[in-house]
Amino acid sequence: MVTGASDDDPSGIATYAQTGAKFGFSMLWVALFTFPLMAGVQEICDRTALASGKGLGELIVVRFGRTSRVLISILLGLLIVANALNIAADLVAIGAGMRLLHAGPEALWALIAGALVITLVFTGSFELTARFSSFSVWHSWRTSPCFSSSTCLGERS
C-alpha cells in the first residue's frame, strides 16, 4: 500500500484518469488514505538522505556488509526488471494520452516519447528535460478538447 501510493508517474496518472472517467468523484475518498502514505515514503527518503549523506545502495552495504552481496544482487536484478516494466507502462500511458488527443497511434507516440526521453537523458541537461516536460504538459492541456468545453466536466447539452 505504501509503495503503491507513492508511485505517481505517467502510468499511475493514466490509471487515476481512467478511474475518474469511469467513477467520477465517487473514488476520491481513497486519496484521504493514500496521500499520507505517499507523504510518508517521501519523508523517509528525504530524512535518510539528509541524515546519512549516502544513497540507498551505500546504506545497504554499510548495514548488511559484503556477505549479503548475493541477496542484494538478486534484489537489484528484480529492481531493474520492475523499473523496465514501469518505464514501458509510462511510455504506453503517454501514447494513450496522445491517442486520446487524436494525435495519432498510441505505439508511435510511445516510441517517440521513449526516443525523446533517451535523448534528453543522454544530453545530461536536467534543465532542458524539465523545461520540455513543463511545456508538453501545458501544451497537452491547452490543446485538449476539454479546454474550452464543459462536456468534459460531465455537463451534457
C-alpha atoms as a PDB file:
ATOM      1  CA  MET A   1       0.000   0.000   0.000  1.00  0.00           C
ATOM      2  CA  VAL A   2       2.694   2.487   0.994  1.00  0.00           C
ATOM      3  CA  THR A   3       4.872   1.912  -2.063  1.00  0.00           C
ATOM      4  CA  GLY A   4       1.925   1.879  -4.435  1.00  0.00           C
ATOM      5  CA  ALA A   5       0.605   5.138  -3.027  1.00  0.00           C
ATOM      6  CA  SER A   6       3.914   6.890  -3.630  1.00  0.00           C
ATOM      7  CA  ASP A   7       4.107   5.914  -7.308  1.00  0.00           C
ATOM      8  CA  ASP A   8       2.824   8.985  -9.172  1.00  0.00           C
ATOM      9  CA  ASP A   9       4.294   8.520 -12.626  1.00  0.00           C
ATOM     10  CA  PRO A  10       2.597   8.712 -16.043  1.00  0.00           C
ATOM     11  CA  SER A  11       1.165   5.196 -15.813  1.00  0.00           C
ATOM     12  CA  GLY A  12      -0.238   5.982 -12.362  1.00  0.00           C
ATOM     13  CA  ILE A  13      -1.728   9.247 -13.587  1.00  0.00           C
ATOM     14  CA  ALA A  14      -3.290   7.380 -16.526  1.00  0.00           C
ATOM     15  CA  THR A  15      -4.828   4.925 -14.070  1.00  0.00           C
ATOM     16  CA  TYR A  16      -6.179   7.773 -11.927  1.00  0.00           C
ATOM     17  CA  ALA A  17      -7.623   9.481 -15.020  1.00  0.00           C
ATOM     18  CA  GLN A  18      -9.343   6.282 -16.160  1.00  0.00           C
ATOM     19  CA  THR A  19     -10.751   5.713 -12.678  1.00  0.00           C
ATOM     20  CA  GLY A  20     -12.015   9.295 -12.567  1.00  0.00           C
ATOM     21  CA  ALA A  21     -13.580   8.967 -16.005  1.00  0.00           C
ATOM     22  CA  LYS A  22     -15.358   5.769 -15.028  1.00  0.00           C
ATOM     23  CA  PHE A  23     -16.405   6.506 -11.431  1.00  0.00           C
ATOM     24  CA  GLY A  24     -16.373  10.320 -11.237  1.00  0.00           C
ATOM     25  CA  PHE A  25     -15.764  11.667  -7.743  1.00  0.00           C
ATOM     26  CA  SER A  26     -17.030   8.523  -6.013  1.00  0.00           C
ATOM     27  CA  MET A  27     -13.473   7.154  -5.572  1.00  0.00           C
ATOM     28  CA  LEU A  28     -11.986  10.429  -4.298  1.00  0.00           C
ATOM     29  CA  TRP A  29     -12.206   9.203  -0.703  1.00  0.00           C
ATOM     30  CA  VAL A  30      -9.267   6.880  -1.439  1.00  0.00           C
ATOM     31  CA  ALA A  31      -7.000   9.961  -1.625  1.00  0.00           C
ATOM     32  CA  LEU A  32      -7.583  10.527   2.102  1.00  0.00           C
ATOM     33  CA  PHE A  33      -5.763   7.258   2.777  1.00  0.00           C
ATOM     34  CA  THR A  34      -3.160   7.217   0.030  1.00  0.00           C
ATOM     35  CA  PHE A  35      -1.849  10.784   0.389  1.00  0.00           C
ATOM     36  CA  PRO A  36      -0.470  10.272   3.937  1.00  0.00           C
ATOM     37  CA  LEU A  37       1.188   7.049   2.743  1.00  0.00           C
ATOM     38  CA  MET A  38       2.767   8.862  -0.201  1.00  0.00           C
ATOM     39  CA  ALA A  39       3.953  11.696   2.039  1.00  0.00           C
ATOM     40  CA  GLY A  40       5.391   9.156   4.481  1.00  0.00           C
ATOM     41  CA  VAL A  41       7.508   7.477   1.799  1.00  0.00           C
ATOM     42  CA  GLN A  42       8.840  10.816   0.596  1.00  0.00           C
ATOM     43  CA  GLU A  43       9.590  11.873   4.177  1.00  0.00           C
ATOM     44  CA  ILE A  44      11.502   8.666   4.931  1.00  0.00           C
ATOM     45  CA  CYS A  45      13.571   9.017   1.749  1.00  0.00           C
ATOM     46  CA  ASP A  46      14.370  12.659   2.470  1.00  0.00           C
ATOM     47  CA  ARG A  47      15.322  12.083   6.103  1.00  0.00           C
ATOM     48  CA  THR A  48      17.505   9.087   5.247  1.00  0.00           C
ATOM     49  CA  ALA A  49      19.417  11.035   2.599  1.00  0.00           C
ATOM     50  CA  LEU A  50      19.776  14.151   4.757  1.00  0.00           C
ATOM     51  CA  ALA A  51      20.876  12.268   7.865  1.00  0.00           C
ATOM     52  CA  SER A  52      23.395   9.974   6.202  1.00  0.00           C
ATOM     53  CA  GLY A  53      24.512  11.848   3.104  1.00  0.00           C
ATOM     54  CA  LYS A  54      24.522   8.471   1.340  1.00  0.00           C
ATOM     55  CA  GLY A  55      22.379   6.774  -1.267  1.00  0.00           C
ATOM     56  CA  LEU A  56      20.314   3.669  -0.621  1.00  0.00           C
ATOM     57  CA  GLY A  57      22.916   1.360  -2.189  1.00  0.00           C
ATOM     58  CA  GLU A  58      25.658   2.689   0.073  1.00  0.00           C
ATOM     59  CA  LEU A  59      23.442   2.322   3.134  1.00  0.00           C
ATOM     60  CA  ILE A  60      22.642  -1.296   2.248  1.00  0.00           C
ATOM     61  CA  VAL A  61      26.342  -2.151   2.009  1.00  0.00           C
ATOM     62  CA  VAL A  62      27.035  -0.418   5.345  1.00  0.00           C
ATOM     63  CA  ARG A  63      24.124  -2.150   7.095  1.00  0.00           C
ATOM     64  CA  PHE A  64      24.434  -5.664   5.665  1.00  0.00           C
ATOM     65  CA  GLY A  65      28.124  -5.821   4.831  1.00  0.00           C
ATOM     66  CA  ARG A  66      29.745  -7.575   1.913  1.00  0.00           C
ATOM     67  CA  THR A  67      28.400 -11.032   2.848  1.00  0.00           C
ATOM     68  CA  SER A  68      24.919 -10.202   1.635  1.00  0.00           C
ATOM     69  CA  ARG A  69      26.031  -9.375  -1.916  1.00  0.00           C
ATOM     70  CA  VAL A  70      24.222 -12.353  -3.449  1.00  0.00           C
ATOM     71  CA  LEU A  71      20.872 -11.379  -1.962  1.00  0.00           C
ATOM     72  CA  ILE A  72      21.425  -7.729  -2.805  1.00  0.00           C
ATOM     73  CA  SER A  73      22.391  -8.652  -6.384  1.00  0.00           C
ATOM     74  CA  ILE A  74      19.176 -10.671  -6.789  1.00  0.00           C
ATOM     75  CA  LEU A  75      17.112  -7.795  -5.400  1.00  0.00           C
ATOM     76  CA  LEU A  76      18.848  -5.315  -7.708  1.00  0.00           C
ATOM     77  CA  GLY A  77      18.141  -7.580 -10.683  1.00  0.00           C
ATOM     78  CA  LEU A  78      14.469  -7.682  -9.741  1.00  0.00           C
ATOM     79  CA  LEU A  79      14.501  -3.908  -9.328  1.00  0.00           C
ATOM     80  CA  ILE A  80      15.924  -3.462 -12.831  1.00  0.00           C
ATOM     81  CA  VAL A  81      13.195  -5.690 -14.284  1.00  0.00           C
ATOM     82  CA  ALA A  82      10.482  -3.836 -12.327  1.00  0.00           C
ATOM     83  CA  ASN A  83      11.821  -0.447 -13.437  1.00  0.00           C
ATOM     84  CA  ALA A  84      11.964  -1.563 -17.073  1.00  0.00           C
ATOM     85  CA  LEU A  85       8.321  -2.661 -16.902  1.00  0.00           C
ATOM     86  CA  ASN A  86       7.372   0.577 -15.145  1.00  0.00           C
ATOM     87  CA  ILE A  87       9.093   2.686 -17.811  1.00  0.00           C
ATOM     88  CA  ALA A  88       7.314   0.683 -20.520  1.00  0.00           C
ATOM     89  CA  ALA A  89       3.975   1.342 -18.792  1.00  0.00           C
ATOM     90  CA  ASP A  90       4.822   5.060 -18.583  1.00  0.00           C
ATOM     91  CA  LEU A  91       5.582   5.238 -22.301  1.00  0.00           C
ATOM     92  CA  VAL A  92       2.379   3.390 -23.155  1.00  0.00           C
ATOM     93  CA  ALA A  93       0.456   5.842 -20.932  1.00  0.00           C
ATOM     94  CA  ILE A  94       1.988   8.754 -22.834  1.00  0.00           C
ATOM     95  CA  GLY A  95       0.986   7.111 -26.119  1.00  0.00           C
ATOM     96  CA  ALA A  96      -2.546   6.524 -24.840  1.00  0.00           C
ATOM     97  CA  GLY A  97      -2.815  10.150 -23.789  1.00  0.00           C
ATOM     98  CA  MET A  98      -1.773  11.324 -27.223  1.00  0.00           C
ATOM     99  CA  ARG A  99      -4.273   8.922 -28.813  1.00  0.00           C
ATOM    100  CA  LEU A 100      -6.998  10.466 -26.639  1.00  0.00           C
ATOM    101  CA  LEU A 101      -5.997  13.849 -28.061  1.00  0.00           C
ATOM    102  CA  HIS A 102      -6.436  12.348 -31.557  1.00  0.00           C
ATOM    103  CA  ALA A 103      -2.746  12.959 -32.302  1.00  0.00           C
ATOM    104  CA  GLY A 104      -2.068   9.575 -33.885  1.00  0.00           C
ATOM    105  CA  PRO A 105      -1.444   5.945 -32.996  1.00  0.00           C
ATOM    106  CA  GLU A 106      -0.522   5.000 -29.454  1.00  0.00           C
ATOM    107  CA  ALA A 107       2.516   2.870 -30.386  1.00  0.00           C
ATOM    108  CA  LEU A 108       4.031   5.652 -32.483  1.00  0.00           C
ATOM    109  CA  TRP A 109       3.786   8.179 -29.649  1.00  0.00           C
ATOM    110  CA  ALA A 110       5.183   5.683 -27.144  1.00  0.00           C
ATOM    111  CA  LEU A 111       8.211   5.193 -29.408  1.00  0.00           C
ATOM    112  CA  ILE A 112       8.609   8.935 -29.935  1.00  0.00           C
ATOM    113  CA  ALA A 113       8.378   9.589 -26.182  1.00  0.00           C
ATOM    114  CA  GLY A 114      10.917   6.849 -25.464  1.00  0.00           C
ATOM    115  CA  ALA A 115      13.373   8.199 -28.036  1.00  0.00           C
ATOM    116  CA  LEU A 116      12.903  11.748 -26.763  1.00  0.00           C
ATOM    117  CA  VAL A 117      13.448  10.772 -23.133  1.00  0.00           C
ATOM    118  CA  ILE A 118      16.573   8.773 -24.021  1.00  0.00           C
ATOM    119  CA  THR A 119      17.918  11.741 -26.000  1.00  0.00           C
ATOM    120  CA  LEU A 120      17.212  14.191 -23.180  1.00  0.00           C
ATOM    121  CA  VAL A 121      18.773  11.882 -20.584  1.00  0.00           C
ATOM    122  CA  PHE A 122      21.940  11.356 -22.611  1.00  0.00           C
ATOM    123  CA  THR A 123      22.387  15.079 -23.226  1.00  0.00           C
ATOM    124  CA  GLY A 124      22.716  15.414 -19.467  1.00  0.00           C
ATOM    125  CA  SER A 125      20.665  18.592 -19.227  1.00  0.00           C
ATOM    126  CA  PHE A 126      18.106  18.310 -16.433  1.00  0.00           C
ATOM    127  CA  GLU A 127      17.033  21.896 -17.038  1.00  0.00           C
ATOM    128  CA  LEU A 128      16.198  21.139 -20.684  1.00  0.00           C
ATOM    129  CA  THR A 129      14.292  17.995 -19.677  1.00  0.00           C
ATOM    130  CA  ALA A 130      12.282  19.897 -17.049  1.00  0.00           C
ATOM    131  CA  ARG A 131      11.521  22.700 -19.496  1.00  0.00           C
ATOM    132  CA  PHE A 132      10.354  20.272 -22.159  1.00  0.00           C
ATOM    133  CA  SER A 133       8.199  18.348 -19.654  1.00  0.00           C
ATOM    134  CA  SER A 134       6.547  21.543 -18.408  1.00  0.00           C
ATOM    135  CA  PHE A 135       5.849  22.715 -21.949  1.00  0.00           C
ATOM    136  CA  SER A 136       4.461  19.374 -23.091  1.00  0.00           C
ATOM    137  CA  VAL A 137       2.088  19.164 -20.114  1.00  0.00           C
ATOM    138  CA  TRP A 138       0.878  22.734 -20.708  1.00  0.00           C
ATOM    139  CA  HIS A 139       0.523  22.156 -24.450  1.00  0.00           C
ATOM    140  CA  SER A 140      -1.392  18.883 -23.952  1.00  0.00           C
ATOM    141  CA  TRP A 141      -3.751  20.613 -21.550  1.00  0.00           C
ATOM    142  CA  ARG A 142      -4.167  23.666 -23.781  1.00  0.00           C
ATOM    143  CA  THR A 143      -4.897  21.650 -26.935  1.00  0.00           C
ATOM    144  CA  SER A 144      -7.195  19.206 -25.172  1.00  0.00           C
ATOM    145  CA  PRO A 145     -10.763  19.073 -26.499  1.00  0.00           C
ATOM    146  CA  CYS A 146     -11.842  19.650 -22.887  1.00  0.00           C
ATOM    147  CA  PHE A 147     -10.047  23.014 -22.573  1.00  0.00           C
ATOM    148  CA  SER A 148     -12.966  25.183 -23.574  1.00  0.00           C
ATOM    149  CA  SER A 149     -15.753  22.651 -23.359  1.00  0.00           C
ATOM    150  CA  SER A 150     -17.963  21.940 -20.370  1.00  0.00           C
ATOM    151  CA  THR A 151     -18.781  18.445 -21.629  1.00  0.00           C
ATOM    152  CA  CYS A 152     -15.602  17.057 -20.061  1.00  0.00           C
ATOM    153  CA  LEU A 153     -16.886  18.099 -16.658  1.00  0.00           C
ATOM    154  CA  GLY A 154     -19.913  15.911 -17.019  1.00  0.00           C
ATOM    155  CA  GLU A 155     -22.359  18.543 -18.265  1.00  0.00           C
ATOM    156  CA  ARG A 156     -24.300  17.344 -21.281  1.00  0.00           C
ATOM    157  CA  SER A 157     -26.044  19.677 -23.697  1.00  0.00           C
END
